[in-house]
């Protein structure tokens, strides 16, 4: 395969390189045998050239919006089509739509068994509930930290703008982002792309209109 030279002075290049490195790590976790490294959902074999193209994406196995888990244990690589079909769901919730594509659930679970132990259970029927049992304190702590930081930020900014400081709920931000069509800036099909941290700036565009 061809390795194209990069412009190392570009911030975009730095972001792409980081994503490529993460893709390589996740790709190697698909199986010890490079010949068995396939998209966990579709079974399509993923080679290095395909891996580093836009045909393959990094996927949160259990939705980030439900878990706030951005660790490598909660990530894998999948072909774009499978990732779009899965959407903001667990693999088990999307299994019927996968099966409609000719991707049997039994094959998905078999491919998951080739992955590290802390990752494979997330593909199963009880993946999310098991995650909750093991990480239940993490989610509550993360949400509480977010609420606390929002109050601290409001109090601090209130010293500067005492009449016009308020905290915007996340649900309102999501509604504004969708209504303004801002999800299409960094994502596709109107879905927010949390893998690109510029989504925070996109959120601020919506909040600025409140």
C-alpha atoms as a PDB file:
ATOM      1  CA  UNK A   1       0.000   0.000   0.000  1.00  0.00           C
ATOM      2  CA  UNK A   2       1.069   3.575  -0.570  1.00  0.00           C
ATOM      3  CA  UNK A   3       2.104   5.813   2.330  1.00  0.00           C
ATOM      4  CA  UNK A   4       1.492   9.417   1.373  1.00  0.00           C
ATOM      5  CA  UNK A   5       3.687  12.179   2.873  1.00  0.00           C
ATOM      6  CA  UNK A   6       2.047  14.474   5.402  1.00  0.00           C
ATOM      7  CA  UNK A   7       2.382  18.180   6.108  1.00  0.00           C
ATOM      8  CA  UNK A   8       3.636  17.931   9.694  1.00  0.00           C
ATOM      9  CA  UNK A   9       3.073  21.648  10.315  1.00  0.00           C
ATOM     10  CA  UNK A  10      -0.700  21.220  10.030  1.00  0.00           C
ATOM     11  CA  UNK A  11      -2.920  20.902  13.120  1.00  0.00           C
ATOM     12  CA  UNK A  12      -5.270  18.791  11.017  1.00  0.00           C
ATOM     13  CA  UNK A  13      -2.362  16.475  10.241  1.00  0.00           C
ATOM     14  CA  UNK A  14      -1.638  16.086  13.965  1.00  0.00           C
ATOM     15  CA  UNK A  15      -5.265  15.153  14.595  1.00  0.00           C
ATOM     16  CA  UNK A  16      -5.270  12.696  11.688  1.00  0.00           C
ATOM     17  CA  UNK A  17      -2.050  11.082  12.903  1.00  0.00           C
ATOM     18  CA  UNK A  18      -3.499  10.605  16.393  1.00  0.00           C
ATOM     19  CA  UNK A  19      -6.614   8.996  14.904  1.00  0.00           C
ATOM     20  CA  UNK A  20      -4.487   6.727  12.694  1.00  0.00           C
ATOM     21  CA  UNK A  21      -2.418   5.570  15.665  1.00  0.00           C
ATOM     22  CA  UNK A  22      -5.575   4.816  17.617  1.00  0.00           C
ATOM     23  CA  UNK A  23      -6.985   2.935  14.633  1.00  0.00           C
ATOM     24  CA  UNK A  24      -3.830   0.801  14.489  1.00  0.00           C
ATOM     25  CA  UNK A  25      -4.095  -0.051  18.197  1.00  0.00           C
ATOM     26  CA  UNK A  26      -7.761  -0.993  17.897  1.00  0.00           C
ATOM     27  CA  UNK A  27      -7.108  -2.939  14.693  1.00  0.00           C
ATOM     28  CA  UNK A  28      -4.467  -5.067  16.408  1.00  0.00           C
ATOM     29  CA  UNK A  29      -6.944  -5.808  19.200  1.00  0.00           C
ATOM     30  CA  UNK A  30      -9.399  -7.369  16.733  1.00  0.00           C
ATOM     31  CA  UNK A  31      -7.292 -10.549  16.689  1.00  0.00           C
ATOM     32  CA  UNK A  32      -3.740 -11.770  17.218  1.00  0.00           C
ATOM     33  CA  UNK A  33      -3.958 -13.111  13.663  1.00  0.00           C
ATOM     34  CA  UNK A  34      -3.830 -10.252  11.151  1.00  0.00           C
ATOM     35  CA  UNK A  35      -5.805 -12.358   8.683  1.00  0.00           C
ATOM     36  CA  UNK A  36      -8.741 -12.502  11.124  1.00  0.00           C
ATOM     37  CA  UNK A  37      -8.958  -8.763  11.703  1.00  0.00           C
ATOM     38  CA  UNK A  38     -12.450  -7.966  10.482  1.00  0.00           C
ATOM     39  CA  UNK A  39     -15.125  -5.387  11.183  1.00  0.00           C
ATOM     40  CA  UNK A  40     -16.811  -6.848  14.287  1.00  0.00           C
ATOM     41  CA  UNK A  41     -20.282  -6.066  12.971  1.00  0.00           C
ATOM     42  CA  UNK A  42     -20.111  -6.942   9.264  1.00  0.00           C
ATOM     43  CA  UNK A  43     -17.238  -9.415   9.147  1.00  0.00           C
ATOM     44  CA  UNK A  44     -15.567  -7.472   6.320  1.00  0.00           C
ATOM     45  CA  UNK A  45     -11.818  -8.054   6.484  1.00  0.00           C
ATOM     46  CA  UNK A  46      -9.857  -4.897   7.244  1.00  0.00           C
ATOM     47  CA  UNK A  47      -6.361  -4.534   5.842  1.00  0.00           C
ATOM     48  CA  UNK A  48      -3.931  -1.757   6.719  1.00  0.00           C
ATOM     49  CA  UNK A  49      -4.664   0.321   3.616  1.00  0.00           C
ATOM     50  CA  UNK A  50      -8.408   0.112   4.228  1.00  0.00           C
ATOM     51  CA  UNK A  51      -7.927   0.795   7.946  1.00  0.00           C
ATOM     52  CA  UNK A  52      -6.208   4.119   7.299  1.00  0.00           C
ATOM     53  CA  UNK A  53      -8.852   5.265   4.822  1.00  0.00           C
ATOM     54  CA  UNK A  54     -12.215   6.865   5.463  1.00  0.00           C
ATOM     55  CA  UNK A  55     -13.865   3.482   4.836  1.00  0.00           C
ATOM     56  CA  UNK A  56     -13.101   2.521   8.437  1.00  0.00           C
ATOM     57  CA  UNK A  57     -14.122   4.507  11.505  1.00  0.00           C
ATOM     58  CA  UNK A  58     -13.557   4.369  15.243  1.00  0.00           C
ATOM     59  CA  UNK A  59     -16.731   3.291  17.035  1.00  0.00           C
ATOM     60  CA  UNK A  60     -17.752   3.483  20.684  1.00  0.00           C
ATOM     61  CA  UNK A  61     -19.016  -0.037  21.363  1.00  0.00           C
ATOM     62  CA  UNK A  62     -21.353   1.151  24.126  1.00  0.00           C
ATOM     63  CA  UNK A  63     -22.611   4.634  23.151  1.00  0.00           C
ATOM     64  CA  UNK A  64     -20.513   7.434  24.587  1.00  0.00           C
ATOM     65  CA  UNK A  65     -23.685   9.451  25.204  1.00  0.00           C
ATOM     66  CA  UNK A  66     -24.856   6.767  27.657  1.00  0.00           C
ATOM     67  CA  UNK A  67     -21.552   5.829  29.285  1.00  0.00           C
ATOM     68  CA  UNK A  68     -19.158   8.796  28.900  1.00  0.00           C
ATOM     69  CA  UNK A  69     -16.597   6.026  28.411  1.00  0.00           C
ATOM     70  CA  UNK A  70     -13.990   7.201  25.889  1.00  0.00           C
ATOM     71  CA  UNK A  71     -11.418   4.560  26.805  1.00  0.00           C
ATOM     72  CA  UNK A  72      -9.884   2.138  24.316  1.00  0.00           C
ATOM     73  CA  UNK A  73     -11.777  -0.656  26.086  1.00  0.00           C
ATOM     74  CA  UNK A  74     -14.976   0.923  24.754  1.00  0.00           C
ATOM     75  CA  UNK A  75     -13.722   1.479  21.217  1.00  0.00           C
ATOM     76  CA  UNK A  76     -13.230  -0.628  18.129  1.00  0.00           C
ATOM     77  CA  UNK A  77     -12.839  -0.076  14.393  1.00  0.00           C
ATOM     78  CA  UNK A  78     -15.694  -0.781  11.986  1.00  0.00           C
ATOM     79  CA  UNK A  79     -16.518  -0.136   8.375  1.00  0.00           C
ATOM     80  CA  UNK A  80     -18.452   3.076   7.859  1.00  0.00           C
ATOM     81  CA  UNK A  81     -21.638   1.321   6.698  1.00  0.00           C
ATOM     82  CA  UNK A  82     -21.811  -0.836   9.831  1.00  0.00           C
ATOM     83  CA  UNK A  83     -21.101   2.131  12.075  1.00  0.00           C
ATOM     84  CA  UNK A  84     -23.934   4.086  10.470  1.00  0.00           C
ATOM     85  CA  UNK A  85     -26.360   1.176  10.895  1.00  0.00           C
ATOM     86  CA  UNK A  86     -25.378   0.763  14.551  1.00  0.00           C
ATOM     87  CA  UNK A  87     -25.821   4.464  15.273  1.00  0.00           C
ATOM     88  CA  UNK A  88     -26.164   5.511  18.906  1.00  0.00           C
ATOM     89  CA  UNK A  89     -26.942   1.984  20.106  1.00  0.00           C
ATOM     90  CA  UNK A  90     -25.199  -0.972  21.692  1.00  0.00           C
ATOM     91  CA  UNK A  91     -24.219  -3.805  19.337  1.00  0.00           C
ATOM     92  CA  UNK A  92     -26.959  -5.963  20.834  1.00  0.00           C
ATOM     93  CA  UNK A  93     -29.601  -3.291  20.248  1.00  0.00           C
ATOM     94  CA  UNK A  94     -28.513  -3.095  16.608  1.00  0.00           C
ATOM     95  CA  UNK A  95     -28.270  -6.857  16.034  1.00  0.00           C
ATOM     96  CA  UNK A  96     -31.540  -7.152  14.095  1.00  0.00           C
ATOM     97  CA  UNK A  97     -30.485  -4.414  11.683  1.00  0.00           C
ATOM     98  CA  UNK A  98     -27.121  -6.137  11.288  1.00  0.00           C
ATOM     99  CA  UNK A  99     -28.881  -9.442  10.600  1.00  0.00           C
ATOM    100  CA  UNK A 100     -30.987  -7.729   7.923  1.00  0.00           C
ATOM    101  CA  UNK A 101     -27.695  -6.965   6.148  1.00  0.00           C
ATOM    102  CA  UNK A 102     -26.719 -10.634   6.281  1.00  0.00           C
ATOM    103  CA  UNK A 103     -24.455 -10.212   9.317  1.00  0.00           C
ATOM    104  CA  UNK A 104     -25.501 -12.928  11.839  1.00  0.00           C
ATOM    105  CA  UNK A 105     -25.391 -12.170  15.555  1.00  0.00           C
ATOM    106  CA  UNK A 106     -23.548 -15.428  16.256  1.00  0.00           C
ATOM    107  CA  UNK A 107     -20.720 -14.338  13.947  1.00  0.00           C
ATOM    108  CA  UNK A 108     -20.545 -10.937  15.644  1.00  0.00           C
ATOM    109  CA  UNK A 109     -20.197 -12.577  19.069  1.00  0.00           C
ATOM    110  CA  UNK A 110     -17.573 -14.985  17.728  1.00  0.00           C
ATOM    111  CA  UNK A 111     -15.492 -12.069  16.434  1.00  0.00           C
ATOM    112  CA  UNK A 112     -15.890 -10.291  19.775  1.00  0.00           C
ATOM    113  CA  UNK A 113     -14.385 -13.340  21.528  1.00  0.00           C
ATOM    114  CA  UNK A 114     -11.111 -12.670  19.702  1.00  0.00           C
ATOM    115  CA  UNK A 115     -10.789  -9.297  21.441  1.00  0.00           C
ATOM    116  CA  UNK A 116      -9.419  -8.452  24.910  1.00  0.00           C
ATOM    117  CA  UNK A 117     -11.540  -9.630  27.846  1.00  0.00           C
ATOM    118  CA  UNK A 118     -12.435  -6.121  29.027  1.00  0.00           C
ATOM    119  CA  UNK A 119     -13.877  -5.381  25.595  1.00  0.00           C
ATOM    120  CA  UNK A 120     -15.634  -8.523  24.403  1.00  0.00           C
ATOM    121  CA  UNK A 121     -18.500  -8.537  26.946  1.00  0.00           C
ATOM    122  CA  UNK A 122     -19.712  -5.171  25.649  1.00  0.00           C
ATOM    123  CA  UNK A 123     -20.977  -6.801  22.444  1.00  0.00           C
ATOM    124  CA  UNK A 124     -23.316  -9.196  24.244  1.00  0.00           C
ATOM    125  CA  UNK A 125     -26.914  -8.999  25.403  1.00  0.00           C
ATOM    126  CA  UNK A 126     -25.906  -7.912  28.910  1.00  0.00           C
ATOM    127  CA  UNK A 127     -23.049  -5.691  27.809  1.00  0.00           C
ATOM    128  CA  UNK A 128     -24.503  -2.405  29.009  1.00  0.00           C
ATOM    129  CA  UNK A 129     -25.859  -3.801  32.296  1.00  0.00           C
ATOM    130  CA  UNK A 130     -22.499  -5.422  33.036  1.00  0.00           C
ATOM    131  CA  UNK A 131     -20.759  -2.135  32.304  1.00  0.00           C
ATOM    132  CA  UNK A 132     -23.131  -0.433  34.746  1.00  0.00           C
ATOM    133  CA  UNK A 133     -22.274  -2.973  37.451  1.00  0.00           C
ATOM    134  CA  UNK A 134     -18.567  -2.511  36.940  1.00  0.00           C
ATOM    135  CA  UNK A 135     -18.517   1.246  36.287  1.00  0.00           C
ATOM    136  CA  UNK A 136     -21.708   2.457  37.981  1.00  0.00           C
ATOM    137  CA  UNK A 137     -19.806   4.875  40.207  1.00  0.00           C
ATOM    138  CA  UNK A 138     -17.893   6.328  37.251  1.00  0.00           C
ATOM    139  CA  UNK A 139     -20.993   7.574  35.410  1.00  0.00           C
ATOM    140  CA  UNK A 140     -22.583   9.102  38.510  1.00  0.00           C
ATOM    141  CA  UNK A 141     -19.297  10.776  39.460  1.00  0.00           C
ATOM    142  CA  UNK A 142     -18.786  12.144  35.946  1.00  0.00           C
ATOM    143  CA  UNK A 143     -22.295  13.588  35.785  1.00  0.00           C
ATOM    144  CA  UNK A 144     -21.977  15.118  39.259  1.00  0.00           C
ATOM    145  CA  UNK A 145     -18.606  16.629  38.344  1.00  0.00           C
ATOM    146  CA  UNK A 146     -20.176  18.169  35.232  1.00  0.00           C
ATOM    147  CA  UNK A 147     -23.026  19.693  37.248  1.00  0.00           C
ATOM    148  CA  UNK A 148     -20.603  21.016  39.858  1.00  0.00           C
ATOM    149  CA  UNK A 149     -18.308  22.569  37.253  1.00  0.00           C
ATOM    150  CA  UNK A 150     -21.326  24.201  35.594  1.00  0.00           C
ATOM    151  CA  UNK A 151     -22.295  25.836  38.892  1.00  0.00           C
ATOM    152  CA  UNK A 152     -18.717  26.984  39.547  1.00  0.00           C
ATOM    153  CA  UNK A 153     -18.385  28.409  36.025  1.00  0.00           C
ATOM    154  CA  UNK A 154     -21.734  30.217  36.348  1.00  0.00           C
ATOM    155  CA  UNK A 155     -20.732  31.752  39.683  1.00  0.00           C
ATOM    156  CA  UNK A 156     -17.366  32.871  38.307  1.00  0.00           C
ATOM    157  CA  UNK A 157     -18.784  34.377  35.118  1.00  0.00           C
ATOM    158  CA  UNK A 158     -21.574  35.952  37.150  1.00  0.00           C
ATOM    159  CA  UNK A 159     -18.988  38.233  38.713  1.00  0.00           C
ATOM    160  CA  UNK A 160     -18.342  39.667  35.256  1.00  0.00           C
ATOM    161  CA  UNK A 161     -21.861  39.537  33.802  1.00  0.00           C
ATOM    162  CA  UNK A 162     -24.194  39.389  36.820  1.00  0.00           C
ATOM    163  CA  UNK A 163     -27.366  39.993  34.772  1.00  0.00           C
ATOM    164  CA  UNK A 164     -26.778  37.665  31.834  1.00  0.00           C
ATOM    165  CA  UNK A 165     -25.183  34.453  33.081  1.00  0.00           C
ATOM    166  CA  UNK A 166     -27.032  31.144  32.933  1.00  0.00           C
ATOM    167  CA  UNK A 167     -26.292  27.478  32.394  1.00  0.00           C
ATOM    168  CA  UNK A 168     -27.769  25.876  29.263  1.00  0.00           C
ATOM    169  CA  UNK A 169     -28.893  22.237  29.724  1.00  0.00           C
ATOM    170  CA  UNK A 170     -27.305  19.674  27.438  1.00  0.00           C
ATOM    171  CA  UNK A 171     -30.687  18.624  26.038  1.00  0.00           C
ATOM    172  CA  UNK A 172     -31.361  22.183  24.880  1.00  0.00           C
ATOM    173  CA  UNK A 173     -27.923  22.359  23.286  1.00  0.00           C
ATOM    174  CA  UNK A 174     -28.625  19.123  21.399  1.00  0.00           C
ATOM    175  CA  UNK A 175     -32.001  20.444  20.213  1.00  0.00           C
ATOM    176  CA  UNK A 176     -30.500  23.718  18.960  1.00  0.00           C
ATOM    177  CA  UNK A 177     -27.649  21.897  17.247  1.00  0.00           C
ATOM    178  CA  UNK A 178     -30.114  19.665  15.412  1.00  0.00           C
ATOM    179  CA  UNK A 179     -32.492  22.508  14.487  1.00  0.00           C
ATOM    180  CA  UNK A 180     -29.663  24.620  13.070  1.00  0.00           C
ATOM    181  CA  UNK A 181     -28.238  21.661  11.128  1.00  0.00           C
ATOM    182  CA  UNK A 182     -24.916  21.987  12.934  1.00  0.00           C
ATOM    183  CA  UNK A 183     -24.405  18.235  13.258  1.00  0.00           C
ATOM    184  CA  UNK A 184     -23.581  18.114   9.563  1.00  0.00           C
ATOM    185  CA  UNK A 185     -20.522  20.321  10.032  1.00  0.00           C
ATOM    186  CA  UNK A 186     -18.343  17.558  11.488  1.00  0.00           C
ATOM    187  CA  UNK A 187     -20.571  14.483  11.179  1.00  0.00           C
ATOM    188  CA  UNK A 188     -22.710  12.785   8.569  1.00  0.00           C
ATOM    189  CA  UNK A 189     -26.406  11.936   8.400  1.00  0.00           C
ATOM    190  CA  UNK A 190     -27.160  14.626  10.971  1.00  0.00           C
ATOM    191  CA  UNK A 191     -25.336  12.802  13.778  1.00  0.00           C
ATOM    192  CA  UNK A 192     -22.975  14.512  16.193  1.00  0.00           C
ATOM    193  CA  UNK A 193     -19.363  13.398  15.761  1.00  0.00           C
ATOM    194  CA  UNK A 194     -17.914  13.079  19.263  1.00  0.00           C
ATOM    195  CA  UNK A 195     -14.643  11.697  17.902  1.00  0.00           C
ATOM    196  CA  UNK A 196     -13.812  15.203  16.678  1.00  0.00           C
ATOM    197  CA  UNK A 197     -13.284  17.451  19.699  1.00  0.00           C
ATOM    198  CA  UNK A 198     -14.205  20.498  17.646  1.00  0.00           C
ATOM    199  CA  UNK A 199     -17.807  19.483  18.406  1.00  0.00           C
ATOM    200  CA  UNK A 200     -17.459  21.637  21.549  1.00  0.00           C
ATOM    201  CA  UNK A 201     -17.040  24.722  19.343  1.00  0.00           C
ATOM    202  CA  UNK A 202     -20.067  23.651  17.300  1.00  0.00           C
ATOM    203  CA  UNK A 203     -22.088  23.396  20.535  1.00  0.00           C
ATOM    204  CA  UNK A 204     -21.121  26.972  21.411  1.00  0.00           C
ATOM    205  CA  UNK A 205     -22.508  28.223  18.094  1.00  0.00           C
ATOM    206  CA  UNK A 206     -25.922  26.909  19.109  1.00  0.00           C
ATOM    207  CA  UNK A 207     -25.704  28.166  22.688  1.00  0.00           C
ATOM    208  CA  UNK A 208     -24.689  31.624  21.527  1.00  0.00           C
ATOM    209  CA  UNK A 209     -28.209  32.080  20.094  1.00  0.00           C
ATOM    210  CA  UNK A 210     -29.974  31.473  23.414  1.00  0.00           C
END
